[in-house]
Amino acid sequence: MILDKDSLPTHADVFCLANFATVLVGTQRFKEAVQCLRLEGLLFHELPLR
């Protein structure tokens, strides 16, 4: 999966993709908040941008 950086929302730290109902895309800030709160059950993978 490669994300088009021009189509990413700038006002949200986490969002879902229309064609992938079970995939959440989040910013680095979202990831850091999840880790700080020690929430469980989420996996993070860096996605390439074009």
N, C-alpha and C. Protein backbone atom coordinates (compact mmCIF):
# COMPACT_ATOMS: atom_id res chain seq x y z
N MET A 1 0.85 -1.16 0.00
CA MET A 1 0.00 0.00 0.00
C MET A 1 0.90 1.23 0.00
N ILE A 2 0.66 2.13 -0.93
CA ILE A 2 1.38 3.40 -1.03
C ILE A 2 0.36 4.52 -0.96
N LEU A 3 0.59 5.49 -0.10
CA LEU A 3 -0.34 6.59 0.08
C LEU A 3 0.07 7.79 -0.77
N ASP A 4 -0.92 8.45 -1.34
CA ASP A 4 -0.69 9.69 -2.09
C ASP A 4 -0.71 10.84 -1.09
N LYS A 5 0.44 11.45 -0.86
CA LYS A 5 0.54 12.46 0.19
C LYS A 5 -0.36 13.66 -0.05
N ASP A 6 -0.70 13.95 -1.30
CA ASP A 6 -1.57 15.09 -1.60
C ASP A 6 -3.03 14.81 -1.25
N SER A 7 -3.39 13.55 -1.06
CA SER A 7 -4.78 13.21 -0.74
C SER A 7 -5.00 12.95 0.76
N LEU A 8 -3.95 13.04 1.55
CA LEU A 8 -4.09 12.79 2.99
C LEU A 8 -4.69 13.99 3.70
N PRO A 9 -5.59 13.75 4.64
CA PRO A 9 -6.17 14.87 5.40
C PRO A 9 -5.12 15.51 6.29
N THR A 10 -5.16 16.81 6.40
CA THR A 10 -4.20 17.53 7.24
C THR A 10 -4.80 17.88 8.60
N HIS A 11 -6.09 17.66 8.78
CA HIS A 11 -6.79 18.05 10.00
C HIS A 11 -7.04 16.88 10.96
N ALA A 12 -6.57 15.68 10.61
CA ALA A 12 -6.84 14.50 11.44
C ALA A 12 -5.55 13.72 11.70
N ASP A 13 -5.45 13.15 12.90
CA ASP A 13 -4.30 12.33 13.24
C ASP A 13 -4.54 10.86 12.95
N VAL A 14 -5.80 10.48 12.73
CA VAL A 14 -6.13 9.10 12.40
C VAL A 14 -7.36 9.11 11.49
N PHE A 15 -7.35 8.24 10.50
CA PHE A 15 -8.47 8.14 9.57
C PHE A 15 -8.47 6.76 8.95
N CYS A 16 -9.58 6.38 8.33
CA CYS A 16 -9.66 5.09 7.65
C CYS A 16 -9.71 5.32 6.14
N LEU A 17 -9.33 4.30 5.41
CA LEU A 17 -9.34 4.36 3.95
C LEU A 17 -10.64 3.76 3.43
N ALA A 18 -11.19 4.34 2.40
CA ALA A 18 -12.49 3.91 1.87
C ALA A 18 -12.50 2.43 1.49
N ASN A 19 -11.45 1.92 0.90
CA ASN A 19 -11.43 0.55 0.41
C ASN A 19 -10.89 -0.46 1.42
N PHE A 20 -10.50 -0.01 2.61
CA PHE A 20 -9.93 -0.89 3.62
C PHE A 20 -10.59 -0.60 4.96
N ALA A 21 -11.73 -1.22 5.20
CA ALA A 21 -12.53 -0.92 6.39
C ALA A 21 -11.82 -1.25 7.70
N THR A 22 -10.89 -2.19 7.69
CA THR A 22 -10.23 -2.58 8.94
C THR A 22 -8.85 -1.95 9.11
N VAL A 23 -8.49 -1.03 8.24
CA VAL A 23 -7.18 -0.39 8.31
C VAL A 23 -7.36 1.06 8.76
N LEU A 24 -6.64 1.42 9.81
CA LEU A 24 -6.59 2.81 10.25
C LEU A 24 -5.23 3.37 9.87
N VAL A 25 -5.21 4.58 9.39
CA VAL A 25 -3.96 5.26 9.07
C VAL A 25 -3.81 6.41 10.06
N GLY A 26 -2.65 6.47 10.69
CA GLY A 26 -2.44 7.51 11.69
C GLY A 26 -1.11 8.21 11.52
N THR A 27 -1.02 9.36 12.11
CA THR A 27 0.21 10.14 12.08
C THR A 27 1.18 9.63 13.15
N GLN A 28 2.38 10.12 13.09
CA GLN A 28 3.37 9.80 14.11
C GLN A 28 2.88 10.27 15.47
N ARG A 29 2.21 11.39 15.51
CA ARG A 29 1.66 11.92 16.76
C ARG A 29 0.62 10.95 17.36
N PHE A 30 -0.21 10.35 16.50
CA PHE A 30 -1.19 9.37 16.96
C PHE A 30 -0.48 8.15 17.54
N LYS A 31 0.54 7.67 16.85
CA LYS A 31 1.29 6.52 17.34
C LYS A 31 1.92 6.80 18.71
N GLU A 32 2.51 7.96 18.86
CA GLU A 32 3.13 8.33 20.13
C GLU A 32 2.10 8.43 21.25
N ALA A 33 0.90 8.93 20.96
CA ALA A 33 -0.15 9.02 21.97
C ALA A 33 -0.60 7.63 22.41
N VAL A 34 -0.76 6.71 21.44
CA VAL A 34 -1.15 5.33 21.76
C VAL A 34 -0.09 4.69 22.65
N GLN A 35 1.16 4.88 22.31
CA GLN A 35 2.24 4.30 23.10
C GLN A 35 2.32 4.93 24.49
N CYS A 36 2.12 6.22 24.58
CA CYS A 36 2.16 6.92 25.87
C CYS A 36 1.05 6.42 26.79
N LEU A 37 -0.11 6.15 26.22
CA LEU A 37 -1.26 5.67 27.00
C LEU A 37 -1.22 4.17 27.23
N ARG A 38 -0.23 3.51 26.63
CA ARG A 38 -0.05 2.06 26.76
C ARG A 38 -1.29 1.28 26.33
N LEU A 39 -1.89 1.75 25.23
CA LEU A 39 -3.05 1.03 24.68
C LEU A 39 -2.55 -0.22 23.99
N GLU A 40 -3.37 -1.26 24.02
CA GLU A 40 -2.97 -2.54 23.43
C GLU A 40 -3.87 -2.90 22.26
N GLY A 41 -3.37 -3.78 21.41
CA GLY A 41 -4.16 -4.30 20.31
C GLY A 41 -3.98 -3.58 19.00
N LEU A 42 -3.06 -2.64 18.94
CA LEU A 42 -2.79 -1.93 17.70
C LEU A 42 -1.38 -2.27 17.21
N LEU A 43 -1.26 -2.46 15.91
CA LEU A 43 0.04 -2.68 15.28
C LEU A 43 0.34 -1.50 14.38
N PHE A 44 1.58 -1.09 14.34
CA PHE A 44 1.97 0.05 13.52
C PHE A 44 2.96 -0.40 12.46
N HIS A 45 2.73 0.07 11.25
CA HIS A 45 3.63 -0.16 10.12
C HIS A 45 3.77 1.16 9.37
N GLU A 46 4.98 1.53 9.07
CA GLU A 46 5.20 2.75 8.30
C GLU A 46 4.80 2.49 6.84
N LEU A 47 4.04 3.44 6.28
CA LEU A 47 3.60 3.30 4.90
C LEU A 47 4.34 4.31 4.02
N PRO A 48 4.74 3.89 2.84
CA PRO A 48 5.42 4.81 1.94
C PRO A 48 4.45 5.82 1.32
N LEU A 49 4.97 7.01 1.03
CA LEU A 49 4.20 8.06 0.37
C LEU A 49 4.74 8.29 -1.03
N ARG A 50 3.86 8.73 -1.88
CA ARG A 50 4.32 9.16 -3.21
C ARG A 50 3.83 10.55 -3.49
